[in-house]
């Protein structure tokens, strides 16, 4: 039986948050899961202020927050930052997703 661990944030993701000055603005990177999108669920990734019931993941002086409702959907996930020809973005490698769509922000379980 695999343990449900909180998501992990890569060094590259924390470095990108530092580059854009998130903590200097009093903000954290919020990762949320909502119903919708082309596969049933979609990720909402935004700069936001941390709330009392958020899980806070910190590194490099920066913070990534996940709300309590989204947390089970993100168990054992990896939050990363990637730069590709199509652009630079935060990405989520989610072992709970049974399928995802080409946009990279929508998935099913």
PDB file of N, CA and C in Angstrom:
ATOM      1  N   UNK A   1       0.842  -1.191   0.000  1.00  0.00           N
ATOM      2  CA  UNK A   1       0.000   0.000   0.000  1.00  0.00           C
ATOM      3  C   UNK A   1       0.880   1.245   0.000  1.00  0.00           C
ATOM      4  N   UNK A   2       0.661   2.115  -0.974  1.00  0.00           N
ATOM      5  CA  UNK A   2       1.453   3.331  -1.093  1.00  0.00           C
ATOM      6  C   UNK A   2       0.892   4.414  -0.187  1.00  0.00           C
ATOM      7  N   UNK A   3       1.789   5.099   0.509  1.00  0.00           N
ATOM      8  CA  UNK A   3       1.372   6.198   1.375  1.00  0.00           C
ATOM      9  C   UNK A   3       0.984   7.410   0.540  1.00  0.00           C
ATOM     10  N   UNK A   4      -0.027   8.121   0.987  1.00  0.00           N
ATOM     11  CA  UNK A   4      -0.390   9.379   0.343  1.00  0.00           C
ATOM     12  C   UNK A   4       0.430  10.490   0.973  1.00  0.00           C
ATOM     13  N   UNK A   5       1.425  10.929   0.252  1.00  0.00           N
ATOM     14  CA  UNK A   5       2.315  11.983   0.730  1.00  0.00           C
ATOM     15  C   UNK A   5       1.907  13.308   0.100  1.00  0.00           C
ATOM     16  N   UNK A   6       2.203  14.408   0.774  1.00  0.00           N
ATOM     17  CA  UNK A   6       1.884  15.712   0.178  1.00  0.00           C
ATOM     18  C   UNK A   6       2.697  15.911  -1.098  1.00  0.00           C
ATOM     19  N   UNK A   7       2.243  16.806  -1.956  1.00  0.00           N
ATOM     20  CA  UNK A   7       3.005  17.046  -3.187  1.00  0.00           C
ATOM     21  C   UNK A   7       4.408  17.550  -2.877  1.00  0.00           C
ATOM     22  N   UNK A   8       5.305  17.316  -3.815  1.00  0.00           N
ATOM     23  CA  UNK A   8       6.683  17.755  -3.690  1.00  0.00           C
ATOM     24  C   UNK A   8       6.900  18.883  -4.691  1.00  0.00           C
ATOM     25  N   UNK A   9       7.668  19.886  -4.311  1.00  0.00           N
ATOM     26  CA  UNK A   9       7.965  21.015  -5.192  1.00  0.00           C
ATOM     27  C   UNK A   9       9.446  20.942  -5.554  1.00  0.00           C
ATOM     28  N   UNK A  10       9.747  21.027  -6.843  1.00  0.00           N
ATOM     29  CA  UNK A  10      11.137  20.941  -7.270  1.00  0.00           C
ATOM     30  C   UNK A  10      11.881  22.240  -6.977  1.00  0.00           C
ATOM     31  N   UNK A  11      13.194  22.121  -6.923  1.00  0.00           N
ATOM     32  CA  UNK A  11      14.053  23.295  -6.737  1.00  0.00           C
ATOM     33  C   UNK A  11      13.822  24.294  -7.853  1.00  0.00           C
ATOM     34  N   UNK A  12      13.651  23.792  -9.072  1.00  0.00           N
ATOM     35  CA  UNK A  12      13.437  24.660 -10.232  1.00  0.00           C
ATOM     36  C   UNK A  12      12.165  25.496 -10.069  1.00  0.00           C
ATOM     37  N   UNK A  13      11.111  24.907  -9.518  1.00  0.00           N
ATOM     38  CA  UNK A  13       9.866  25.653  -9.305  1.00  0.00           C
ATOM     39  C   UNK A  13      10.066  26.753  -8.260  1.00  0.00           C
ATOM     40  N   UNK A  14      10.748  26.419  -7.156  1.00  0.00           N
ATOM     41  CA  UNK A  14      11.012  27.443  -6.137  1.00  0.00           C
ATOM     42  C   UNK A  14      11.901  28.549  -6.701  1.00  0.00           C
ATOM     43  N   UNK A  15      12.890  28.184  -7.532  1.00  0.00           N
ATOM     44  CA  UNK A  15      13.765  29.190  -8.136  1.00  0.00           C
ATOM     45  C   UNK A  15      12.980  30.140  -9.032  1.00  0.00           C
ATOM     46  N   UNK A  16      12.017  29.590  -9.786  1.00  0.00           N
ATOM     47  CA  UNK A  16      11.200  30.443 -10.662  1.00  0.00           C
ATOM     48  C   UNK A  16      10.352  31.409  -9.848  1.00  0.00           C
ATOM     49  N   UNK A  17       9.804  30.931  -8.734  1.00  0.00           N
ATOM     50  CA  UNK A  17       9.026  31.823  -7.854  1.00  0.00           C
ATOM     51  C   UNK A  17       9.903  32.953  -7.332  1.00  0.00           C
ATOM     52  N   UNK A  18      11.151  32.638  -7.001  1.00  0.00           N
ATOM     53  CA  UNK A  18      12.075  33.672  -6.538  1.00  0.00           C
ATOM     54  C   UNK A  18      12.371  34.670  -7.655  1.00  0.00           C
ATOM     55  N   UNK A  19      12.536  34.167  -8.895  1.00  0.00           N
ATOM     56  CA  UNK A  19      12.803  35.046 -10.037  1.00  0.00           C
ATOM     57  C   UNK A  19      11.680  36.051 -10.256  1.00  0.00           C
ATOM     58  N   UNK A  20      10.450  35.604 -10.083  1.00  0.00           N
ATOM     59  CA  UNK A  20       9.325  36.524 -10.305  1.00  0.00           C
ATOM     60  C   UNK A  20       8.979  37.318  -9.042  1.00  0.00           C
ATOM     61  N   UNK A  21       9.698  37.066  -7.945  1.00  0.00           N
ATOM     62  CA  UNK A  21       9.523  37.851  -6.730  1.00  0.00           C
ATOM     63  C   UNK A  21       8.207  37.618  -6.008  1.00  0.00           C
ATOM     64  N   UNK A  22       7.740  36.379  -6.000  1.00  0.00           N
ATOM     65  CA  UNK A  22       6.446  36.078  -5.374  1.00  0.00           C
ATOM     66  C   UNK A  22       6.423  36.476  -3.897  1.00  0.00           C
ATOM     67  N   UNK A  23       7.424  36.027  -3.138  1.00  0.00           N
ATOM     68  CA  UNK A  23       7.414  36.326  -1.695  1.00  0.00           C
ATOM     69  C   UNK A  23       7.601  37.821  -1.429  1.00  0.00           C
ATOM     70  N   UNK A  24       8.331  38.501  -2.323  1.00  0.00           N
ATOM     71  CA  UNK A  24       8.507  39.949  -2.173  1.00  0.00           C
ATOM     72  C   UNK A  24       7.172  40.681  -2.283  1.00  0.00           C
ATOM     73  N   UNK A  25       6.227  40.068  -3.003  1.00  0.00           N
ATOM     74  CA  UNK A  25       4.890  40.638  -3.163  1.00  0.00           C
ATOM     75  C   UNK A  25       3.925  40.104  -2.097  1.00  0.00           C
ATOM     76  N   UNK A  26       4.442  39.288  -1.152  1.00  0.00           N
ATOM     77  CA  UNK A  26       3.589  38.692  -0.129  1.00  0.00           C
ATOM     78  C   UNK A  26       2.704  37.591  -0.684  1.00  0.00           C
ATOM     79  N   UNK A  27       3.131  36.965  -1.785  1.00  0.00           N
ATOM     80  CA  UNK A  27       2.317  35.953  -2.462  1.00  0.00           C
ATOM     81  C   UNK A  27       2.984  34.586  -2.412  1.00  0.00           C
ATOM     82  N   UNK A  28       2.151  33.573  -2.600  1.00  0.00           N
ATOM     83  CA  UNK A  28       2.598  32.193  -2.724  1.00  0.00           C
ATOM     84  C   UNK A  28       1.995  31.638  -4.007  1.00  0.00           C
ATOM     85  N   UNK A  29       2.563  30.551  -4.516  1.00  0.00           N
ATOM     86  CA  UNK A  29       1.986  29.880  -5.676  1.00  0.00           C
ATOM     87  C   UNK A  29       0.898  28.941  -5.186  1.00  0.00           C
ATOM     88  N   UNK A  30      -0.336  29.210  -5.581  1.00  0.00           N
ATOM     89  CA  UNK A  30      -1.460  28.353  -5.169  1.00  0.00           C
ATOM     90  C   UNK A  30      -1.723  27.311  -6.252  1.00  0.00           C
ATOM     91  N   UNK A  31      -1.755  26.045  -5.828  1.00  0.00           N
ATOM     92  CA  UNK A  31      -2.108  24.939  -6.703  1.00  0.00           C
ATOM     93  C   UNK A  31      -3.439  24.395  -6.193  1.00  0.00           C
ATOM     94  N   UNK A  32      -4.471  24.452  -7.016  1.00  0.00           N
ATOM     95  CA  UNK A  32      -5.798  23.972  -6.627  1.00  0.00           C
ATOM     96  C   UNK A  32      -6.329  23.045  -7.708  1.00  0.00           C
ATOM     97  N   UNK A  33      -7.231  22.158  -7.314  1.00  0.00           N
ATOM     98  CA  UNK A  33      -7.906  21.264  -8.247  1.00  0.00           C
ATOM     99  C   UNK A  33      -9.388  21.607  -8.212  1.00  0.00           C
ATOM    100  N   UNK A  34      -9.959  21.823  -9.396  1.00  0.00           N
ATOM    101  CA  UNK A  34     -11.379  22.156  -9.491  1.00  0.00           C
ATOM    102  C   UNK A  34     -12.032  21.247 -10.515  1.00  0.00           C
ATOM    103  N   UNK A  35     -13.333  21.070 -10.392  1.00  0.00           N
ATOM    104  CA  UNK A  35     -14.070  20.319 -11.392  1.00  0.00           C
ATOM    105  C   UNK A  35     -14.128  21.113 -12.676  1.00  0.00           C
ATOM    106  N   UNK A  36     -14.098  20.406 -13.808  1.00  0.00           N
ATOM    107  CA  UNK A  36     -14.182  21.077 -15.097  1.00  0.00           C
ATOM    108  C   UNK A  36     -13.038  20.693 -15.997  1.00  0.00           C
ATOM    109  N   UNK A  37     -12.798  21.498 -16.990  1.00  0.00           N
ATOM    110  CA  UNK A  37     -11.745  21.191 -17.953  1.00  0.00           C
ATOM    111  C   UNK A  37     -12.202  20.111 -18.910  1.00  0.00           C
ATOM    112  N   UNK A  38     -11.350  19.750 -19.853  1.00  0.00           N
ATOM    113  CA  UNK A  38     -11.757  18.781 -20.874  1.00  0.00           C
ATOM    114  C   UNK A  38     -11.658  17.339 -20.398  1.00  0.00           C
ATOM    115  N   UNK A  39     -11.095  17.089 -19.213  1.00  0.00           N
ATOM    116  CA  UNK A  39     -10.963  15.711 -18.734  1.00  0.00           C
ATOM    117  C   UNK A  39     -11.658  15.463 -17.397  1.00  0.00           C
ATOM    118  N   UNK A  40     -12.384  16.421 -16.854  1.00  0.00           N
ATOM    119  CA  UNK A  40     -13.112  16.211 -15.599  1.00  0.00           C
ATOM    120  C   UNK A  40     -12.626  17.075 -14.446  1.00  0.00           C
ATOM    121  N   UNK A  41     -11.311  17.225 -14.319  1.00  0.00           N
ATOM    122  CA  UNK A  41     -10.720  18.089 -13.296  1.00  0.00           C
ATOM    123  C   UNK A  41      -9.721  18.999 -13.986  1.00  0.00           C
ATOM    124  N   UNK A  42      -9.478  20.149 -13.367  1.00  0.00           N
ATOM    125  CA  UNK A  42      -8.453  21.027 -13.925  1.00  0.00           C
ATOM    126  C   UNK A  42      -7.663  21.670 -12.794  1.00  0.00           C
ATOM    127  N   UNK A  43      -6.405  21.968 -13.103  1.00  0.00           N
ATOM    128  CA  UNK A  43      -5.539  22.651 -12.153  1.00  0.00           C
ATOM    129  C   UNK A  43      -5.740  24.147 -12.272  1.00  0.00           C
ATOM    130  N   UNK A  44      -5.799  24.805 -11.141  1.00  0.00           N
ATOM    131  CA  UNK A  44      -5.769  26.264 -11.085  1.00  0.00           C
ATOM    132  C   UNK A  44      -4.435  26.628 -10.453  1.00  0.00           C
ATOM    133  N   UNK A  45      -3.621  27.360 -11.167  1.00  0.00           N
ATOM    134  CA  UNK A  45      -2.295  27.750 -10.687  1.00  0.00           C
ATOM    135  C   UNK A  45      -2.248  29.263 -10.720  1.00  0.00           C
ATOM    136  N   UNK A  46      -2.020  29.868  -9.543  1.00  0.00           N
ATOM    137  CA  UNK A  46      -2.114  31.324  -9.455  1.00  0.00           C
ATOM    138  C   UNK A  46      -1.256  31.820  -8.296  1.00  0.00           C
ATOM    139  N   UNK A  47      -0.884  33.076  -8.333  1.00  0.00           N
ATOM    140  CA  UNK A  47      -0.240  33.700  -7.182  1.00  0.00           C
ATOM    141  C   UNK A  47      -1.340  34.187  -6.250  1.00  0.00           C
ATOM    142  N   UNK A  48      -1.226  33.850  -4.976  1.00  0.00           N
ATOM    143  CA  UNK A  48      -2.288  34.148  -4.016  1.00  0.00           C
ATOM    144  C   UNK A  48      -1.658  34.271  -2.630  1.00  0.00           C
ATOM    145  N   UNK A  49      -2.438  34.721  -1.684  1.00  0.00           N
ATOM    146  CA  UNK A  49      -1.985  34.767  -0.301  1.00  0.00           C
ATOM    147  C   UNK A  49      -2.351  33.459   0.387  1.00  0.00           C
ATOM    148  N   UNK A  50      -1.487  32.999   1.262  1.00  0.00           N
ATOM    149  CA  UNK A  50      -1.746  31.762   2.003  1.00  0.00           C
ATOM    150  C   UNK A  50      -2.908  31.967   2.972  1.00  0.00           C
ATOM    151  N   UNK A  51      -3.708  30.921   3.132  1.00  0.00           N
ATOM    152  CA  UNK A  51      -4.829  30.949   4.070  1.00  0.00           C
ATOM    153  C   UNK A  51      -4.549  29.994   5.220  1.00  0.00           C
ATOM    154  N   UNK A  52      -5.299  30.137   6.305  1.00  0.00           N
ATOM    155  CA  UNK A  52      -5.038  29.369   7.523  1.00  0.00           C
ATOM    156  C   UNK A  52      -5.061  27.858   7.327  1.00  0.00           C
ATOM    157  N   UNK A  53      -5.966  27.347   6.469  1.00  0.00           N
ATOM    158  CA  UNK A  53      -6.084  25.891   6.332  1.00  0.00           C
ATOM    159  C   UNK A  53      -5.262  25.328   5.165  1.00  0.00           C
ATOM    160  N   UNK A  54      -4.390  26.136   4.559  1.00  0.00           N
ATOM    161  CA  UNK A  54      -3.550  25.668   3.461  1.00  0.00           C
ATOM    162  C   UNK A  54      -2.384  24.826   3.967  1.00  0.00           C
ATOM    163  N   UNK A  55      -1.991  23.855   3.147  1.00  0.00           N
ATOM    164  CA  UNK A  55      -0.713  23.186   3.348  1.00  0.00           C
ATOM    165  C   UNK A  55       0.322  24.091   2.704  1.00  0.00           C
ATOM    166  N   UNK A  56       1.361  24.468   3.445  1.00  0.00           N
ATOM    167  CA  UNK A  56       2.406  25.344   2.930  1.00  0.00           C
ATOM    168  C   UNK A  56       3.680  24.546   2.712  1.00  0.00           C
ATOM    169  N   UNK A  57       4.187  24.570   1.486  1.00  0.00           N
ATOM    170  CA  UNK A  57       5.443  23.921   1.126  1.00  0.00           C
ATOM    171  C   UNK A  57       6.437  25.034   0.840  1.00  0.00           C
ATOM    172  N   UNK A  58       7.559  25.059   1.550  1.00  0.00           N
ATOM    173  CA  UNK A  58       8.486  26.177   1.423  1.00  0.00           C
ATOM    174  C   UNK A  58       9.863  25.716   0.959  1.00  0.00           C
ATOM    175  N   UNK A  59      10.528  26.613   0.258  1.00  0.00           N
ATOM    176  CA  UNK A  59      11.887  26.377  -0.198  1.00  0.00           C
ATOM    177  C   UNK A  59      12.410  27.626  -0.869  1.00  0.00           C
ATOM    178  N   UNK A  60      13.698  27.878  -0.740  1.00  0.00           N
ATOM    179  CA  UNK A  60      14.341  29.014  -1.409  1.00  0.00           C
ATOM    180  C   UNK A  60      13.662  30.337  -1.048  1.00  0.00           C
ATOM    181  N   UNK A  61      13.088  30.420   0.163  1.00  0.00           N
ATOM    182  CA  UNK A  61      12.424  31.644   0.598  1.00  0.00           C
ATOM    183  C   UNK A  61      11.049  31.843  -0.017  1.00  0.00           C
ATOM    184  N   UNK A  62      10.553  30.842  -0.762  1.00  0.00           N
ATOM    185  CA  UNK A  62       9.269  30.933  -1.452  1.00  0.00           C
ATOM    186  C   UNK A  62       8.306  29.891  -0.891  1.00  0.00           C
ATOM    187  N   UNK A  63       7.013  30.068  -1.196  1.00  0.00           N
ATOM    188  CA  UNK A  63       5.983  29.176  -0.670  1.00  0.00           C
ATOM    189  C   UNK A  63       5.029  28.742  -1.771  1.00  0.00           C
ATOM    190  N   UNK A  64       4.667  27.459  -1.731  1.00  0.00           N
ATOM    191  CA  UNK A  64       3.610  26.901  -2.574  1.00  0.00           C
ATOM    192  C   UNK A  64       2.521  26.435  -1.614  1.00  0.00           C
ATOM    193  N   UNK A  65       1.271  26.791  -1.890  1.00  0.00           N
ATOM    194  CA  UNK A  65       0.170  26.426  -1.004  1.00  0.00           C
ATOM    195  C   UNK A  65      -0.856  25.566  -1.740  1.00  0.00           C
ATOM    196  N   UNK A  66      -1.453  24.628  -0.971  1.00  0.00           N
ATOM    197  CA  UNK A  66      -2.501  23.753  -1.488  1.00  0.00           C
ATOM    198  C   UNK A  66      -3.624  23.743  -0.460  1.00  0.00           C
ATOM    199  N   UNK A  67      -4.852  23.976  -0.910  1.00  0.00           N
ATOM    200  CA  UNK A  67      -5.982  23.974   0.024  1.00  0.00           C
ATOM    201  C   UNK A  67      -6.356  22.540   0.401  1.00  0.00           C
ATOM    202  N   UNK A  68      -7.081  22.393   1.502  1.00  0.00           N
ATOM    203  CA  UNK A  68      -7.418  21.076   2.046  1.00  0.00           C
ATOM    204  C   UNK A  68      -8.269  20.244   1.088  1.00  0.00           C
ATOM    205  N   UNK A  69      -9.142  20.863   0.308  1.00  0.00           N
ATOM    206  CA  UNK A  69      -9.994  20.130  -0.629  1.00  0.00           C
ATOM    207  C   UNK A  69      -9.167  19.552  -1.785  1.00  0.00           C
ATOM    208  N   UNK A  70      -8.179  20.308  -2.261  1.00  0.00           N
ATOM    209  CA  UNK A  70      -7.356  19.873  -3.394  1.00  0.00           C
ATOM    210  C   UNK A  70      -6.300  18.848  -2.998  1.00  0.00           C
ATOM    211  N   UNK A  71      -5.905  18.840  -1.738  1.00  0.00           N
ATOM    212  CA  UNK A  71      -4.786  18.014  -1.292  1.00  0.00           C
ATOM    213  C   UNK A  71      -4.906  16.536  -1.660  1.00  0.00           C
ATOM    214  N   UNK A  72      -6.064  15.864  -1.454  1.00  0.00           N
ATOM    215  CA  UNK A  72      -6.134  14.440  -1.816  1.00  0.00           C
ATOM    216  C   UNK A  72      -5.899  14.184  -3.309  1.00  0.00           C
ATOM    217  N   UNK A  73      -6.256  15.127  -4.159  1.00  0.00           N
ATOM    218  CA  UNK A  73      -6.053  14.970  -5.598  1.00  0.00           C
ATOM    219  C   UNK A  73      -4.586  15.112  -5.988  1.00  0.00           C
ATOM    220  N   UNK A  74      -3.788  15.693  -5.097  1.00  0.00           N
ATOM    221  CA  UNK A  74      -2.386  15.980  -5.389  1.00  0.00           C
ATOM    222  C   UNK A  74      -1.422  15.114  -4.580  1.00  0.00           C
ATOM    223  N   UNK A  75      -1.931  14.050  -3.953  1.00  0.00           N
ATOM    224  CA  UNK A  75      -1.062  13.169  -3.166  1.00  0.00           C
ATOM    225  C   UNK A  75       0.048  12.615  -4.059  1.00  0.00           C
ATOM    226  N   UNK A  76       1.266  12.694  -3.581  1.00  0.00           N
ATOM    227  CA  UNK A  76       2.453  12.168  -4.266  1.00  0.00           C
ATOM    228  C   UNK A  76       2.777  12.871  -5.596  1.00  0.00           C
ATOM    229  N   UNK A  77       2.147  14.001  -5.865  1.00  0.00           N
ATOM    230  CA  UNK A  77       2.412  14.733  -7.109  1.00  0.00           C
ATOM    231  C   UNK A  77       3.719  15.522  -7.003  1.00  0.00           C
ATOM    232  N   UNK A  78       4.232  15.933  -8.143  1.00  0.00           N
ATOM    233  CA  UNK A  78       5.436  16.766  -8.198  1.00  0.00           C
ATOM    234  C   UNK A  78       5.085  18.045  -8.940  1.00  0.00           C
ATOM    235  N   UNK A  79       5.352  19.185  -8.297  1.00  0.00           N
ATOM    236  CA  UNK A  79       5.112  20.493  -8.898  1.00  0.00           C
ATOM    237  C   UNK A  79       6.456  21.002  -9.416  1.00  0.00           C
ATOM    238  N   UNK A  80       6.504  21.287 -10.704  1.00  0.00           N
ATOM    239  CA  UNK A  80       7.769  21.637 -11.349  1.00  0.00           C
ATOM    240  C   UNK A  80       7.562  22.872 -12.227  1.00  0.00           C
ATOM    241  N   UNK A  81       8.660  23.383 -12.740  1.00  0.00           N
ATOM    242  CA  UNK A  81       8.611  24.480 -13.704  1.00  0.00           C
ATOM    243  C   UNK A  81       9.378  24.032 -14.932  1.00  0.00           C
ATOM    244  N   UNK A  82       8.799  24.231 -16.103  1.00  0.00           N
ATOM    245  CA  UNK A  82       9.450  23.792 -17.333  1.00  0.00           C
ATOM    246  C   UNK A  82       9.481  24.917 -18.351  1.00  0.00           C
ATOM    247  N   UNK A  83      10.540  24.927 -19.142  1.00  0.00           N
ATOM    248  CA  UNK A  83      10.656  25.876 -20.243  1.00  0.00           C
ATOM    249  C   UNK A  83      10.800  25.072 -21.515  1.00  0.00           C
ATOM    250  N   UNK A  84       9.814  25.202 -22.411  1.00  0.00           N
ATOM    251  CA  UNK A  84       9.815  24.474 -23.672  1.00  0.00           C
ATOM    252  C   UNK A  84       9.587  25.463 -24.808  1.00  0.00           C
ATOM    253  N   UNK A  85       9.600  24.971 -26.024  1.00  0.00           N
ATOM    254  CA  UNK A  85       9.348  25.836 -27.179  1.00  0.00           C
ATOM    255  C   UNK A  85       7.981  26.499 -27.107  1.00  0.00           C
ATOM    256  N   UNK A  86       6.990  25.776 -26.539  1.00  0.00           N
ATOM    257  CA  UNK A  86       5.639  26.328 -26.458  1.00  0.00           C
ATOM    258  C   UNK A  86       5.487  27.347 -25.336  1.00  0.00           C
ATOM    259  N   UNK A  87       6.499  27.467 -24.480  1.00  0.00           N
ATOM    260  CA  UNK A  87       6.451  28.457 -23.418  1.00  0.00           C
ATOM    261  C   UNK A  87       6.928  27.892 -22.091  1.00  0.00           C
ATOM    262  N   UNK A  88       7.024  28.755 -21.130  1.00  0.00           N
ATOM    263  CA  UNK A  88       7.457  28.383 -19.793  1.00  0.00           C
ATOM    264  C   UNK A  88       6.234  28.347 -18.884  1.00  0.00           C
ATOM    265  N   UNK A  89       6.153  27.314 -18.028  1.00  0.00           N
ATOM    266  CA  UNK A  89       4.978  27.198 -17.159  1.00  0.00           C
ATOM    267  C   UNK A  89       5.260  26.256 -16.003  1.00  0.00           C
ATOM    268  N   UNK A  90       4.445  26.399 -14.968  1.00  0.00           N
ATOM    269  CA  UNK A  90       4.464  25.446 -13.877  1.00  0.00           C
ATOM    270  C   UNK A  90       3.681  24.222 -14.322  1.00  0.00           C
ATOM    271  N   UNK A  91       4.197  23.033 -14.040  1.00  0.00           N
ATOM    272  CA  UNK A  91       3.545  21.792 -14.434  1.00  0.00           C
ATOM    273  C   UNK A  91       3.391  20.890 -13.219  1.00  0.00           C
ATOM    274  N   UNK A  92       2.416  19.993 -13.285  1.00  0.00           N
ATOM    275  CA  UNK A  92       2.159  19.064 -12.200  1.00  0.00           C
ATOM    276  C   UNK A  92       2.223  17.648 -12.749  1.00  0.00           C
ATOM    277  N   UNK A  93       3.151  16.866 -12.210  1.00  0.00           N
ATOM    278  CA  UNK A  93       3.237  15.450 -12.544  1.00  0.00           C
ATOM    279  C   UNK A  93       2.433  14.722 -11.474  1.00  0.00           C
ATOM    280  N   UNK A  94       1.252  14.244 -11.856  1.00  0.00           N
ATOM    281  CA  UNK A  94       0.310  13.705 -10.881  1.00  0.00           C
ATOM    282  C   UNK A  94       0.102  12.209 -11.105  1.00  0.00           C
ATOM    283  N   UNK A  95       0.593  11.361 -10.184  1.00  0.00           N
ATOM    284  CA  UNK A  95       0.414   9.915 -10.345  1.00  0.00           C
ATOM    285  C   UNK A  95      -1.036   9.467 -10.165  1.00  0.00           C
ATOM    286  N   UNK A  96      -1.897  10.333  -9.649  1.00  0.00           N
ATOM    287  CA  UNK A  96      -3.303   9.993  -9.439  1.00  0.00           C
ATOM    288  C   UNK A  96      -4.129  10.142 -10.712  1.00  0.00           C
ATOM    289  N   UNK A  97      -3.625  10.889 -11.677  1.00  0.00           N
ATOM    290  CA  UNK A  97      -4.367  11.137 -12.911  1.00  0.00           C
ATOM    291  C   UNK A  97      -4.305   9.899 -13.796  1.00  0.00           C
ATOM    292  N   UNK A  98      -5.466   9.410 -14.197  1.00  0.00           N
ATOM    293  CA  UNK A  98      -5.508   8.250 -15.089  1.00  0.00           C
ATOM    294  C   UNK A  98      -5.333   8.675 -16.534  1.00  0.00           C
ATOM    295  N   UNK A  99      -5.684   9.911 -16.838  1.00  0.00           N
ATOM    296  CA  UNK A  99      -5.444  10.458 -18.173  1.00  0.00           C
ATOM    297  C   UNK A  99      -5.411  11.964 -18.066  1.00  0.00           C
ATOM    298  N   UNK A 100      -4.816  12.589 -19.059  1.00  0.00           N
ATOM    299  CA  UNK A 100      -4.789  14.047 -19.100  1.00  0.00           C
ATOM    300  C   UNK A 100      -4.932  14.471 -20.546  1.00  0.00           C
ATOM    301  N   UNK A 101      -5.178  15.749 -20.741  1.00  0.00           N
ATOM    302  CA  UNK A 101      -5.346  16.230 -22.104  1.00  0.00           C
ATOM    303  C   UNK A 101      -4.107  16.988 -22.528  1.00  0.00           C
ATOM    304  N   UNK A 102      -4.059  17.369 -23.767  1.00  0.00           N
ATOM    305  CA  UNK A 102      -2.891  18.023 -24.322  1.00  0.00           C
ATOM    306  C   UNK A 102      -2.553  19.367 -23.700  1.00  0.00           C
ATOM    307  N   UNK A 103      -3.540  20.023 -23.108  1.00  0.00           N
ATOM    308  CA  UNK A 103      -3.292  21.349 -22.546  1.00  0.00           C
ATOM    309  C   UNK A 103      -2.435  21.279 -21.277  1.00  0.00           C
ATOM    310  N   UNK A 104      -2.404  20.097 -20.628  1.00  0.00           N
ATOM    311  CA  UNK A 104      -1.594  19.928 -19.432  1.00  0.00           C
ATOM    312  C   UNK A 104      -2.211  20.471 -18.160  1.00  0.00           C
ATOM    313  N   UNK A 105      -3.395  21.067 -18.251  1.00  0.00           N
ATOM    314  CA  UNK A 105      -4.033  21.595 -17.040  1.00  0.00           C
ATOM    315  C   UNK A 105      -5.286  20.826 -16.672  1.00  0.00           C
ATOM    316  N   UNK A 106      -5.658  19.826 -17.470  1.00  0.00           N
ATOM    317  CA  UNK A 106      -6.874  19.067 -17.230  1.00  0.00           C
ATOM    318  C   UNK A 106      -6.547  17.586 -17.113  1.00  0.00           C
ATOM    319  N   UNK A 107      -7.250  16.881 -16.220  1.00  0.00           N
ATOM    320  CA  UNK A 107      -6.954  15.458 -16.017  1.00  0.00           C
ATOM    321  C   UNK A 107      -8.190  14.739 -15.498  1.00  0.00           C
ATOM    322  N   UNK A 108      -8.152  13.417 -15.534  1.00  0.00           N
ATOM    323  CA  UNK A 108      -9.220  12.606 -14.938  1.00  0.00           C
ATOM    324  C   UNK A 108      -8.608  11.614 -13.972  1.00  0.00           C
ATOM    325  N   UNK A 109      -9.457  11.085 -13.086  1.00  0.00           N
ATOM    326  CA  UNK A 109      -8.983  10.137 -12.076  1.00  0.00           C
ATOM    327  C   UNK A 109      -9.855   8.897 -12.106  1.00  0.00           C
TER     328      UNK A 109
END
